[in-house]
Amino acid sequence: MEFGTPTKLRYGKQVAAALAFIGLVNHDRILIDTFSSQLQRGLHGIRGRSQMWRIVQYLEHLKASGSSDLTTAVRDFAIRHAGKGVVVVISDFLDKRGYQEALRYLLARNMDIYVIHVLSQEEIDPTLAGDLRLVDCEDDETAEITISAPLIKRYKDNLNAFVGGLKEWCTQRGITYIFTSNQYPFDKLILNYLRKRGLVK
């Protein structure tokens, strides 16, 4: 998530803070958990707009680190939080283990699920060129490639298939799926798109 300008993490923080504020204004109880290789305990049972400073402070100090394990994190989340409610998952979903098993844990809890899929514009439309050695920032796996027009096309085809597959999988199971980039104004995402989808009233 520590990629792009602004980073996907920063964008996700802005979205999370905006949603939390709306929830607090509406007298909802808010909890925020984060994850990398495992679920990190965050803020639980926050209520009342006077507590917004705690959420802002928590998000400001949040850093991206280590590899991600969405399945383990969501499983632990579902175990800890057995009650019904609205859950919003903000992620790039670039997890080599996939997303299906993870989201099934939330479906099993009968939660009202929203998936906000965040990618950077640099990932959506890369401007790389030449001979490159790519290093996975999570597990240090490397790949040496030569950028060419056919390779870029194949990359975009694969990315579109990945995004389309996640959207279709979610839609078929009643999960609200929202795709966004780090260049789309987060306030418009909150006020326009999420309002149409029923998350924000």
N, C-alpha and C. Protein backbone atom coordinates (compact mmCIF):
# COMPACT_ATOMS: atom_id res chain seq x y z
N MET A 1 0.82 -1.21 0.00
CA MET A 1 0.00 0.00 0.00
C MET A 1 0.86 1.27 0.00
N GLU A 2 2.14 1.11 0.30
CA GLU A 2 3.03 2.28 0.32
C GLU A 2 3.58 2.51 -1.09
N PHE A 3 2.68 2.78 -2.02
CA PHE A 3 3.07 2.96 -3.41
C PHE A 3 2.14 3.97 -4.04
N GLY A 4 2.67 4.75 -4.97
CA GLY A 4 1.88 5.74 -5.68
C GLY A 4 2.04 7.12 -5.06
N THR A 5 1.56 8.12 -5.79
CA THR A 5 1.60 9.51 -5.32
C THR A 5 0.22 10.13 -5.49
N PRO A 6 -0.54 10.34 -4.40
CA PRO A 6 -0.21 9.94 -3.03
C PRO A 6 -0.24 8.42 -2.91
N THR A 7 0.32 7.90 -1.83
CA THR A 7 0.34 6.45 -1.68
C THR A 7 -1.08 5.92 -1.48
N LYS A 8 -1.25 4.66 -1.83
CA LYS A 8 -2.55 4.02 -1.62
C LYS A 8 -2.91 4.02 -0.14
N LEU A 9 -1.89 3.90 0.71
CA LEU A 9 -2.16 3.92 2.15
C LEU A 9 -2.71 5.27 2.59
N ARG A 10 -2.10 6.34 2.11
CA ARG A 10 -2.59 7.67 2.47
C ARG A 10 -4.03 7.86 1.99
N TYR A 11 -4.29 7.43 0.77
CA TYR A 11 -5.65 7.54 0.23
C TYR A 11 -6.63 6.73 1.08
N GLY A 12 -6.23 5.51 1.42
CA GLY A 12 -7.09 4.68 2.26
C GLY A 12 -7.35 5.29 3.62
N LYS A 13 -6.34 5.94 4.19
CA LYS A 13 -6.51 6.62 5.47
C LYS A 13 -7.56 7.73 5.36
N GLN A 14 -7.50 8.49 4.27
CA GLN A 14 -8.45 9.58 4.08
C GLN A 14 -9.87 9.05 3.97
N VAL A 15 -10.04 7.97 3.22
CA VAL A 15 -11.36 7.38 3.08
C VAL A 15 -11.85 6.86 4.43
N ALA A 16 -10.98 6.16 5.15
CA ALA A 16 -11.35 5.61 6.46
C ALA A 16 -11.74 6.72 7.44
N ALA A 17 -10.96 7.81 7.44
CA ALA A 17 -11.25 8.92 8.36
C ALA A 17 -12.59 9.57 8.02
N ALA A 18 -12.86 9.75 6.73
CA ALA A 18 -14.12 10.37 6.33
C ALA A 18 -15.31 9.50 6.71
N LEU A 19 -15.20 8.19 6.47
CA LEU A 19 -16.29 7.28 6.83
C LEU A 19 -16.49 7.23 8.34
N ALA A 20 -15.38 7.23 9.08
CA ALA A 20 -15.48 7.21 10.54
C ALA A 20 -16.18 8.46 11.05
N PHE A 21 -15.84 9.61 10.49
CA PHE A 21 -16.47 10.86 10.93
C PHE A 21 -17.97 10.83 10.69
N ILE A 22 -18.36 10.34 9.51
CA ILE A 22 -19.79 10.24 9.20
C ILE A 22 -20.49 9.31 10.18
N GLY A 23 -19.83 8.19 10.50
CA GLY A 23 -20.40 7.27 11.46
C GLY A 23 -20.55 7.87 12.84
N LEU A 24 -19.55 8.61 13.28
CA LEU A 24 -19.60 9.23 14.61
C LEU A 24 -20.68 10.29 14.68
N VAL A 25 -20.82 11.08 13.62
CA VAL A 25 -21.86 12.10 13.58
C VAL A 25 -23.24 11.46 13.66
N ASN A 26 -23.37 10.27 13.08
CA ASN A 26 -24.65 9.55 13.10
C ASN A 26 -24.83 8.68 14.34
N HIS A 27 -23.93 8.85 15.31
CA HIS A 27 -24.00 8.14 16.60
C HIS A 27 -23.81 6.63 16.45
N ASP A 28 -23.07 6.22 15.41
CA ASP A 28 -22.72 4.81 15.26
C ASP A 28 -21.48 4.50 16.09
N ARG A 29 -21.33 3.23 16.42
CA ARG A 29 -20.11 2.78 17.11
C ARG A 29 -19.11 2.37 16.03
N ILE A 30 -17.89 2.88 16.13
CA ILE A 30 -16.87 2.69 15.10
C ILE A 30 -15.73 1.83 15.64
N LEU A 31 -15.24 0.93 14.81
CA LEU A 31 -13.99 0.26 15.13
C LEU A 31 -13.13 0.20 13.88
N ILE A 32 -11.83 0.31 14.07
CA ILE A 32 -10.88 0.26 12.97
C ILE A 32 -9.80 -0.75 13.30
N ASP A 33 -9.62 -1.73 12.43
CA ASP A 33 -8.52 -2.69 12.54
C ASP A 33 -7.70 -2.61 11.26
N THR A 34 -6.41 -2.88 11.37
CA THR A 34 -5.53 -2.91 10.21
C THR A 34 -4.83 -4.27 10.17
N PHE A 35 -4.18 -4.54 9.05
CA PHE A 35 -3.50 -5.83 8.95
C PHE A 35 -2.32 -5.75 8.02
N SER A 36 -1.39 -6.64 8.25
CA SER A 36 -0.31 -6.92 7.30
C SER A 36 -0.28 -8.44 7.19
N SER A 37 0.69 -9.09 7.83
CA SER A 37 0.68 -10.55 7.83
C SER A 37 -0.33 -11.11 8.82
N GLN A 38 -0.82 -10.25 9.71
CA GLN A 38 -1.85 -10.66 10.66
C GLN A 38 -2.67 -9.43 11.04
N LEU A 39 -3.78 -9.67 11.72
CA LEU A 39 -4.65 -8.59 12.13
C LEU A 39 -3.99 -7.82 13.27
N GLN A 40 -3.96 -6.50 13.12
CA GLN A 40 -3.44 -5.63 14.17
C GLN A 40 -4.62 -5.00 14.91
N ARG A 41 -4.63 -5.13 16.20
CA ARG A 41 -5.73 -4.54 16.96
C ARG A 41 -5.65 -3.03 16.88
N GLY A 42 -6.75 -2.42 16.50
CA GLY A 42 -6.77 -0.97 16.32
C GLY A 42 -7.59 -0.27 17.38
N LEU A 43 -8.60 0.46 16.94
CA LEU A 43 -9.49 1.20 17.84
C LEU A 43 -10.86 0.55 17.84
N HIS A 44 -11.39 0.30 19.02
CA HIS A 44 -12.68 -0.38 19.13
C HIS A 44 -13.64 0.43 19.99
N GLY A 45 -14.92 0.35 19.63
CA GLY A 45 -15.95 0.95 20.46
C GLY A 45 -15.91 2.46 20.52
N ILE A 46 -15.47 3.11 19.45
CA ILE A 46 -15.42 4.57 19.43
C ILE A 46 -16.81 5.11 19.11
N ARG A 47 -17.27 6.05 19.91
CA ARG A 47 -18.59 6.63 19.70
C ARG A 47 -18.56 8.12 20.05
N GLY A 48 -19.27 8.92 19.26
CA GLY A 48 -19.36 10.35 19.52
C GLY A 48 -18.32 11.15 18.76
N ARG A 49 -18.72 12.25 18.16
CA ARG A 49 -17.81 13.01 17.32
C ARG A 49 -16.62 13.58 18.09
N SER A 50 -16.75 13.71 19.40
CA SER A 50 -15.64 14.22 20.21
C SER A 50 -14.45 13.26 20.20
N GLN A 51 -14.67 12.01 19.75
CA GLN A 51 -13.60 11.01 19.72
C GLN A 51 -12.88 10.95 18.38
N MET A 52 -13.23 11.84 17.46
CA MET A 52 -12.63 11.81 16.14
C MET A 52 -11.12 12.00 16.21
N TRP A 53 -10.65 12.76 17.20
CA TRP A 53 -9.21 12.99 17.33
C TRP A 53 -8.45 11.69 17.53
N ARG A 54 -9.06 10.72 18.20
CA ARG A 54 -8.40 9.43 18.42
C ARG A 54 -8.22 8.69 17.10
N ILE A 55 -9.22 8.75 16.25
CA ILE A 55 -9.14 8.10 14.95
C ILE A 55 -8.08 8.77 14.08
N VAL A 56 -8.08 10.09 14.04
CA VAL A 56 -7.09 10.82 13.24
C VAL A 56 -5.68 10.50 13.72
N GLN A 57 -5.50 10.51 15.03
CA GLN A 57 -4.17 10.22 15.60
C GLN A 57 -3.73 8.80 15.26
N TYR A 58 -4.65 7.85 15.36
CA TYR A 58 -4.32 6.46 15.05
C TYR A 58 -3.92 6.31 13.59
N LEU A 59 -4.70 6.90 12.69
CA LEU A 59 -4.43 6.77 11.27
C LEU A 59 -3.14 7.50 10.88
N GLU A 60 -2.87 8.62 11.51
CA GLU A 60 -1.65 9.37 11.19
C GLU A 60 -0.39 8.56 11.46
N HIS A 61 -0.43 7.74 12.50
CA HIS A 61 0.75 6.96 12.89
C HIS A 61 0.81 5.59 12.20
N LEU A 62 -0.18 5.28 11.39
CA LEU A 62 -0.23 3.98 10.73
C LEU A 62 0.75 3.93 9.57
N LYS A 63 1.57 2.88 9.52
CA LYS A 63 2.56 2.72 8.46
C LYS A 63 2.39 1.36 7.79
N ALA A 64 2.77 1.30 6.52
CA ALA A 64 2.74 0.03 5.79
C ALA A 64 4.02 -0.73 6.08
N SER A 65 3.88 -2.01 6.40
CA SER A 65 5.08 -2.81 6.69
C SER A 65 4.78 -4.28 6.49
N GLY A 66 5.78 -5.01 6.04
CA GLY A 66 5.69 -6.46 5.95
C GLY A 66 4.79 -6.94 4.83
N SER A 67 4.63 -8.24 4.77
CA SER A 67 3.79 -8.87 3.77
C SER A 67 2.34 -8.86 4.24
N SER A 68 1.43 -9.04 3.30
CA SER A 68 0.01 -9.04 3.66
C SER A 68 -0.54 -10.46 3.62
N ASP A 69 -1.47 -10.71 4.51
CA ASP A 69 -2.18 -11.99 4.54
C ASP A 69 -3.64 -11.68 4.83
N LEU A 70 -4.36 -11.34 3.77
CA LEU A 70 -5.75 -10.92 3.91
C LEU A 70 -6.61 -12.01 4.54
N THR A 71 -6.39 -13.25 4.15
CA THR A 71 -7.23 -14.35 4.64
C THR A 71 -7.11 -14.51 6.15
N THR A 72 -5.89 -14.57 6.65
CA THR A 72 -5.68 -14.73 8.10
C THR A 72 -6.25 -13.55 8.87
N ALA A 73 -6.03 -12.34 8.34
CA ALA A 73 -6.50 -11.15 9.03
C ALA A 73 -8.02 -11.10 9.10
N VAL A 74 -8.69 -11.38 7.99
CA VAL A 74 -10.15 -11.31 7.98
C VAL A 74 -10.76 -12.44 8.80
N ARG A 75 -10.13 -13.60 8.77
CA ARG A 75 -10.61 -14.71 9.62
C ARG A 75 -10.58 -14.30 11.09
N ASP A 76 -9.46 -13.71 11.51
CA ASP A 76 -9.35 -13.28 12.91
C ASP A 76 -10.34 -12.17 13.22
N PHE A 77 -10.54 -11.27 12.26
CA PHE A 77 -11.53 -10.20 12.46
C PHE A 77 -12.92 -10.79 12.66
N ALA A 78 -13.29 -11.75 11.83
CA ALA A 78 -14.62 -12.36 11.92
C ALA A 78 -14.81 -13.10 13.23
N ILE A 79 -13.74 -13.69 13.75
CA ILE A 79 -13.82 -14.40 15.03
C ILE A 79 -14.00 -13.41 16.18
N ARG A 80 -13.28 -12.30 16.13
CA ARG A 80 -13.34 -11.31 17.22
C ARG A 80 -14.64 -10.53 17.21
N HIS A 81 -15.19 -10.31 16.05
CA HIS A 81 -16.37 -9.45 15.94
C HIS A 81 -17.53 -10.26 15.36
N ALA A 82 -18.23 -10.91 16.24
CA ALA A 82 -19.27 -11.85 15.82
C ALA A 82 -20.59 -11.16 15.50
N GLY A 83 -20.77 -9.94 15.97
CA GLY A 83 -22.05 -9.27 15.76
C GLY A 83 -22.23 -8.79 14.34
N LYS A 84 -23.49 -8.56 13.98
CA LYS A 84 -23.78 -8.03 12.65
C LYS A 84 -23.45 -6.55 12.61
N GLY A 85 -23.27 -6.05 11.38
CA GLY A 85 -22.97 -4.65 11.21
C GLY A 85 -22.44 -4.40 9.82
N VAL A 86 -21.99 -3.18 9.60
CA VAL A 86 -21.40 -2.78 8.33
C VAL A 86 -19.89 -2.90 8.44
N VAL A 87 -19.27 -3.56 7.49
CA VAL A 87 -17.81 -3.65 7.47
C VAL A 87 -17.32 -3.16 6.12
N VAL A 88 -16.32 -2.28 6.16
CA VAL A 88 -15.73 -1.72 4.94
C VAL A 88 -14.28 -2.20 4.87
N VAL A 89 -13.94 -2.90 3.80
CA VAL A 89 -12.58 -3.38 3.59
C VAL A 89 -11.91 -2.47 2.56
N ILE A 90 -10.88 -1.76 2.97
CA ILE A 90 -10.14 -0.86 2.08
C ILE A 90 -8.78 -1.49 1.81
N SER A 91 -8.52 -1.86 0.56
CA SER A 91 -7.29 -2.59 0.24
C SER A 91 -7.02 -2.52 -1.25
N ASP A 92 -5.77 -2.81 -1.63
CA ASP A 92 -5.48 -2.99 -3.06
C ASP A 92 -5.73 -4.44 -3.49
N PHE A 93 -5.94 -5.33 -2.52
CA PHE A 93 -6.24 -6.74 -2.76
C PHE A 93 -5.15 -7.46 -3.56
N LEU A 94 -3.94 -6.91 -3.54
CA LEU A 94 -2.83 -7.55 -4.25
C LEU A 94 -2.16 -8.54 -3.31
N ASP A 95 -2.87 -9.60 -3.03
CA ASP A 95 -2.42 -10.65 -2.12
C ASP A 95 -2.32 -11.93 -2.93
N LYS A 96 -1.15 -12.56 -2.93
CA LYS A 96 -0.94 -13.75 -3.74
C LYS A 96 -1.82 -14.91 -3.31
N ARG A 97 -2.38 -14.84 -2.11
CA ARG A 97 -3.27 -15.90 -1.63
C ARG A 97 -4.71 -15.71 -2.11
N GLY A 98 -4.98 -14.57 -2.73
CA GLY A 98 -6.32 -14.31 -3.23
C GLY A 98 -7.20 -13.63 -2.20
N TYR A 99 -8.45 -13.45 -2.55
CA TYR A 99 -9.40 -12.72 -1.71
C TYR A 99 -10.65 -13.52 -1.38
N GLN A 100 -10.92 -14.60 -2.11
CA GLN A 100 -12.19 -15.30 -1.97
C GLN A 100 -12.41 -15.87 -0.57
N GLU A 101 -11.41 -16.59 -0.08
CA GLU A 101 -11.57 -17.21 1.24
C GLU A 101 -11.73 -16.14 2.32
N ALA A 102 -10.97 -15.05 2.19
CA ALA A 102 -11.06 -13.98 3.18
C ALA A 102 -12.46 -13.40 3.24
N LEU A 103 -13.01 -13.05 2.11
CA LEU A 103 -14.33 -12.42 2.10
C LEU A 103 -15.43 -13.40 2.51
N ARG A 104 -15.20 -14.69 2.31
CA ARG A 104 -16.20 -15.68 2.75
C ARG A 104 -16.37 -15.66 4.27
N TYR A 105 -15.31 -15.35 5.00
CA TYR A 105 -15.44 -15.26 6.46
C TYR A 105 -16.43 -14.16 6.86
N LEU A 106 -16.41 -13.05 6.13
CA LEU A 106 -17.34 -11.96 6.43
C LEU A 106 -18.75 -12.33 6.00
N LEU A 107 -18.87 -13.00 4.86
CA LEU A 107 -20.19 -13.45 4.40
C LEU A 107 -20.83 -14.40 5.41
N ALA A 108 -20.00 -15.23 6.01
CA ALA A 108 -20.52 -16.20 6.99
C ALA A 108 -21.09 -15.51 8.22
N ARG A 109 -20.64 -14.29 8.49
CA ARG A 109 -21.14 -13.52 9.64
C ARG A 109 -22.36 -12.67 9.29
N ASN A 110 -22.81 -12.77 8.06
CA ASN A 110 -23.97 -12.00 7.61
C ASN A 110 -23.77 -10.50 7.79
N MET A 111 -22.55 -10.03 7.55
CA MET A 111 -22.27 -8.61 7.66
C MET A 111 -22.63 -7.91 6.35
N ASP A 112 -22.91 -6.63 6.46
CA ASP A 112 -23.16 -5.79 5.29
C ASP A 112 -21.79 -5.33 4.80
N ILE A 113 -21.31 -5.88 3.70
CA ILE A 113 -19.91 -5.75 3.31
C ILE A 113 -19.74 -4.77 2.15
N TYR A 114 -18.79 -3.87 2.32
CA TYR A 114 -18.38 -2.95 1.27
C TYR A 114 -16.89 -3.16 1.01
N VAL A 115 -16.54 -3.35 -0.23
CA VAL A 115 -15.14 -3.49 -0.64
C VAL A 115 -14.74 -2.23 -1.41
N ILE A 116 -13.74 -1.53 -0.91
CA ILE A 116 -13.20 -0.37 -1.61
C ILE A 116 -11.83 -0.77 -2.13
N HIS A 117 -11.75 -0.95 -3.43
CA HIS A 117 -10.54 -1.47 -4.09
C HIS A 117 -9.72 -0.28 -4.59
N VAL A 118 -8.56 -0.06 -3.96
CA VAL A 118 -7.73 1.10 -4.26
C VAL A 118 -6.47 0.67 -5.01
N LEU A 119 -6.27 1.23 -6.19
CA LEU A 119 -5.03 1.06 -6.92
C LEU A 119 -4.46 2.43 -7.25
N SER A 120 -3.15 2.48 -7.45
CA SER A 120 -2.53 3.75 -7.83
C SER A 120 -2.62 3.92 -9.34
N GLN A 121 -2.59 5.17 -9.77
CA GLN A 121 -2.61 5.43 -11.20
C GLN A 121 -1.38 4.83 -11.87
N GLU A 122 -0.28 4.76 -11.13
CA GLU A 122 0.95 4.17 -11.66
C GLU A 122 0.77 2.68 -11.95
N GLU A 123 -0.10 2.03 -11.20
CA GLU A 123 -0.40 0.61 -11.45
C GLU A 123 -1.40 0.45 -12.58
N ILE A 124 -2.34 1.37 -12.66
CA ILE A 124 -3.38 1.29 -13.69
C ILE A 124 -2.80 1.59 -15.07
N ASP A 125 -1.94 2.59 -15.14
CA ASP A 125 -1.38 3.01 -16.43
C ASP A 125 0.12 3.25 -16.26
N PRO A 126 0.92 2.19 -16.18
CA PRO A 126 2.35 2.34 -15.91
C PRO A 126 3.09 3.04 -17.05
N THR A 127 4.11 3.82 -16.68
CA THR A 127 4.92 4.54 -17.67
C THR A 127 6.36 4.04 -17.65
N LEU A 128 6.55 2.78 -17.32
CA LEU A 128 7.89 2.20 -17.25
C LEU A 128 8.44 1.96 -18.65
N ALA A 129 9.78 1.92 -18.73
CA ALA A 129 10.42 1.67 -20.02
C ALA A 129 11.78 1.02 -19.80
N GLY A 130 12.24 0.27 -20.81
CA GLY A 130 13.58 -0.30 -20.77
C GLY A 130 13.66 -1.63 -20.05
N ASP A 131 14.89 -2.01 -19.71
CA ASP A 131 15.15 -3.24 -18.97
C ASP A 131 15.04 -2.96 -17.48
N LEU A 132 14.26 -3.76 -16.78
CA LEU A 132 14.01 -3.49 -15.37
C LEU A 132 14.14 -4.76 -14.54
N ARG A 133 14.52 -4.56 -13.31
CA ARG A 133 14.50 -5.64 -12.31
C ARG A 133 13.49 -5.24 -11.25
N LEU A 134 12.37 -5.94 -11.24
CA LEU A 134 11.30 -5.62 -10.32
C LEU A 134 11.43 -6.45 -9.05
N VAL A 135 11.22 -5.79 -7.92
CA VAL A 135 11.33 -6.46 -6.62
C VAL A 135 10.01 -6.30 -5.87
N ASP A 136 9.41 -7.41 -5.47
CA ASP A 136 8.19 -7.38 -4.68
C ASP A 136 8.53 -6.81 -3.31
N CYS A 137 7.88 -5.71 -2.94
CA CYS A 137 8.21 -5.04 -1.68
C CYS A 137 7.76 -5.83 -0.46
N GLU A 138 6.93 -6.86 -0.66
CA GLU A 138 6.45 -7.62 0.49
C GLU A 138 7.27 -8.87 0.76
N ASP A 139 7.67 -9.58 -0.31
CA ASP A 139 8.41 -10.83 -0.07
C ASP A 139 9.75 -10.89 -0.80
N ASP A 140 10.17 -9.76 -1.41
CA ASP A 140 11.47 -9.64 -2.08
C ASP A 140 11.62 -10.54 -3.30
N GLU A 141 10.54 -11.12 -3.80
CA GLU A 141 10.62 -11.89 -5.03
C GLU A 141 10.96 -10.96 -6.19
N THR A 142 11.85 -11.40 -7.09
CA THR A 142 12.31 -10.53 -8.16
C THR A 142 11.92 -11.08 -9.53
N ALA A 143 11.88 -10.16 -10.49
CA ALA A 143 11.62 -10.53 -11.89
C ALA A 143 12.34 -9.54 -12.78
N GLU A 144 13.08 -10.05 -13.75
CA GLU A 144 13.77 -9.18 -14.70
C GLU A 144 12.97 -9.16 -16.00
N ILE A 145 12.63 -7.97 -16.46
CA ILE A 145 11.77 -7.84 -17.63
C ILE A 145 12.29 -6.75 -18.55
N THR A 146 11.86 -6.81 -19.78
CA THR A 146 12.09 -5.75 -20.75
C THR A 146 10.74 -5.20 -21.16
N ILE A 147 10.53 -3.93 -20.87
CA ILE A 147 9.24 -3.31 -21.17
C ILE A 147 9.06 -3.15 -22.68
N SER A 148 7.91 -3.59 -23.17
CA SER A 148 7.57 -3.44 -24.58
C SER A 148 6.08 -3.17 -24.66
N ALA A 149 5.62 -2.71 -25.81
CA ALA A 149 4.19 -2.45 -25.98
C ALA A 149 3.34 -3.71 -25.76
N PRO A 150 3.74 -4.87 -26.32
CA PRO A 150 2.96 -6.09 -26.06
C PRO A 150 2.92 -6.47 -24.58
N LEU A 151 4.04 -6.25 -23.87
CA LEU A 151 4.08 -6.60 -22.45
C LEU A 151 3.14 -5.68 -21.66
N ILE A 152 3.16 -4.39 -21.96
CA ILE A 152 2.27 -3.45 -21.28
C ILE A 152 0.81 -3.83 -21.55
N LYS A 153 0.52 -4.21 -22.78
CA LYS A 153 -0.86 -4.61 -23.11
C LYS A 153 -1.26 -5.84 -22.32
N ARG A 154 -0.37 -6.82 -22.24
CA ARG A 154 -0.67 -8.04 -21.49
C ARG A 154 -0.87 -7.72 -20.01
N TYR A 155 -0.04 -6.82 -19.49
CA TYR A 155 -0.18 -6.40 -18.09
C TYR A 155 -1.56 -5.78 -17.86
N LYS A 156 -1.95 -4.85 -18.74
CA LYS A 156 -3.24 -4.18 -18.57
C LYS A 156 -4.40 -5.16 -18.72
N ASP A 157 -4.26 -6.11 -19.63
CA ASP A 157 -5.30 -7.14 -19.79
C ASP A 157 -5.44 -7.96 -18.51
N ASN A 158 -4.29 -8.33 -17.92
CA ASN A 158 -4.32 -9.11 -16.68
C ASN A 158 -4.91 -8.29 -15.53
N LEU A 159 -4.54 -7.01 -15.48
CA LEU A 159 -5.06 -6.15 -14.42
C LEU A 159 -6.56 -5.98 -14.56
N ASN A 160 -7.03 -5.76 -15.77
CA ASN A 160 -8.47 -5.61 -16.00
C ASN A 160 -9.22 -6.89 -15.64
N ALA A 161 -8.60 -8.03 -15.94
CA ALA A 161 -9.22 -9.31 -15.59
C ALA A 161 -9.30 -9.48 -14.07
N PHE A 162 -8.25 -9.05 -13.39
CA PHE A 162 -8.22 -9.14 -11.92
C PHE A 162 -9.30 -8.25 -11.31
N VAL A 163 -9.36 -7.00 -11.75
CA VAL A 163 -10.34 -6.05 -11.23
C VAL A 163 -11.76 -6.53 -11.56
N GLY A 164 -11.96 -6.95 -12.80
CA GLY A 164 -13.28 -7.44 -13.21
C GLY A 164 -13.69 -8.69 -12.45
N GLY A 165 -12.72 -9.57 -12.19
CA GLY A 165 -13.02 -10.79 -11.45
C GLY A 165 -13.43 -10.51 -10.02
N LEU A 166 -12.73 -9.58 -9.37
CA LEU A 166 -13.08 -9.21 -7.99
C LEU A 166 -14.45 -8.57 -7.94
N LYS A 167 -14.71 -7.67 -8.89
CA LYS A 167 -16.03 -7.01 -8.94
C LYS A 167 -17.14 -8.04 -9.13
N GLU A 168 -16.96 -8.95 -10.08
CA GLU A 168 -17.99 -9.94 -10.36
C GLU A 168 -18.20 -10.86 -9.16
N TRP A 169 -17.11 -11.30 -8.54
CA TRP A 169 -17.21 -12.19 -7.39
C TRP A 169 -17.99 -11.53 -6.27
N CYS A 170 -17.69 -10.26 -6.02
CA CYS A 170 -18.39 -9.53 -4.96
C CYS A 170 -19.86 -9.34 -5.30
N THR A 171 -20.13 -8.88 -6.52
CA THR A 171 -21.50 -8.58 -6.93
C THR A 171 -22.39 -9.81 -6.85
N GLN A 172 -21.87 -10.96 -7.25
CA GLN A 172 -22.66 -12.19 -7.21
C GLN A 172 -23.03 -12.60 -5.80
N ARG A 173 -22.30 -12.09 -4.81
CA ARG A 173 -22.54 -12.49 -3.42
C ARG A 173 -23.11 -11.36 -2.56
N GLY A 174 -23.56 -10.32 -3.21
CA GLY A 174 -24.21 -9.24 -2.47
C GLY A 174 -23.25 -8.29 -1.78
N ILE A 175 -21.98 -8.35 -2.13
CA ILE A 175 -20.98 -7.44 -1.57
C ILE A 175 -20.91 -6.21 -2.48
N THR A 176 -20.99 -5.04 -1.89
CA THR A 176 -20.88 -3.81 -2.68
C THR A 176 -19.42 -3.55 -3.00
N TYR A 177 -19.12 -3.48 -4.29
CA TYR A 177 -17.74 -3.30 -4.76
C TYR A 177 -17.57 -1.90 -5.34
N ILE A 178 -16.54 -1.21 -4.89
CA ILE A 178 -16.22 0.12 -5.40
C ILE A 178 -14.75 0.15 -5.79
N PHE A 179 -14.48 0.48 -7.04
CA PHE A 179 -13.10 0.61 -7.51
C PHE A 179 -12.74 2.09 -7.56
N THR A 180 -11.52 2.41 -7.11
CA THR A 180 -11.06 3.80 -7.17
C THR A 180 -9.55 3.82 -7.32
N SER A 181 -9.06 4.95 -7.79
CA SER A 181 -7.61 5.14 -7.87
C SER A 181 -7.20 6.23 -6.90
N ASN A 182 -5.91 6.30 -6.65
CA ASN A 182 -5.40 7.31 -5.72
C ASN A 182 -5.53 8.72 -6.29
N GLN A 183 -5.93 8.85 -7.55
CA GLN A 183 -6.10 10.15 -8.17
C GLN A 183 -7.55 10.65 -8.11
N TYR A 184 -8.46 9.77 -7.74
CA TYR A 184 -9.87 10.19 -7.66
C TYR A 184 -10.09 10.86 -6.31
N PRO A 185 -10.60 12.08 -6.29
CA PRO A 185 -10.78 12.80 -5.02
C PRO A 185 -11.58 11.98 -4.01
N PHE A 186 -10.99 11.77 -2.85
CA PHE A 186 -11.65 10.88 -1.89
C PHE A 186 -12.97 11.46 -1.40
N ASP A 187 -13.08 12.81 -1.37
CA ASP A 187 -14.33 13.40 -0.90
C ASP A 187 -15.46 13.12 -1.90
N LYS A 188 -15.14 13.09 -3.20
CA LYS A 188 -16.15 12.75 -4.19
C LYS A 188 -16.55 11.29 -4.07
N LEU A 189 -15.57 10.45 -3.77
CA LEU A 189 -15.88 9.03 -3.56
C LEU A 189 -16.88 8.87 -2.44
N ILE A 190 -16.65 9.59 -1.34
CA ILE A 190 -17.52 9.48 -0.17
C ILE A 190 -18.89 10.08 -0.45
N LEU A 191 -18.90 11.31 -0.95
CA LEU A 191 -20.16 12.04 -1.06
C LEU A 191 -21.02 11.61 -2.24
N ASN A 192 -20.39 11.19 -3.31
CA ASN A 192 -21.16 10.83 -4.50
C ASN A 192 -21.36 9.33 -4.63
N TYR A 193 -20.28 8.61 -4.86
CA TYR A 193 -20.40 7.20 -5.21
C TYR A 193 -20.92 6.37 -4.05
N LEU A 194 -20.37 6.58 -2.86
CA LEU A 194 -20.80 5.77 -1.72
C LEU A 194 -22.22 6.13 -1.28
N ARG A 195 -22.62 7.37 -1.51
CA ARG A 195 -24.01 7.74 -1.20
C ARG A 195 -24.98 6.99 -2.12
N LYS A 196 -24.60 6.89 -3.39
CA LYS A 196 -25.45 6.15 -4.34
C LYS A 196 -25.55 4.69 -3.96
N ARG A 197 -24.46 4.14 -3.39
CA ARG A 197 -24.45 2.73 -3.02
C ARG A 197 -25.09 2.48 -1.65
N GLY A 198 -25.48 3.54 -0.95
CA GLY A 198 -26.20 3.38 0.30
C GLY A 198 -25.36 3.36 1.56
N LEU A 199 -24.03 3.47 1.42
CA LEU A 199 -23.19 3.43 2.63
C LEU A 199 -23.29 4.76 3.37
N VAL A 200 -23.34 5.86 2.62
CA VAL A 200 -23.42 7.19 3.22
C VAL A 200 -24.82 7.73 2.94
N LYS A 201 -25.47 8.24 3.97
CA LYS A 201 -26.83 8.79 3.82
C LYS A 201 -26.82 10.28 4.13
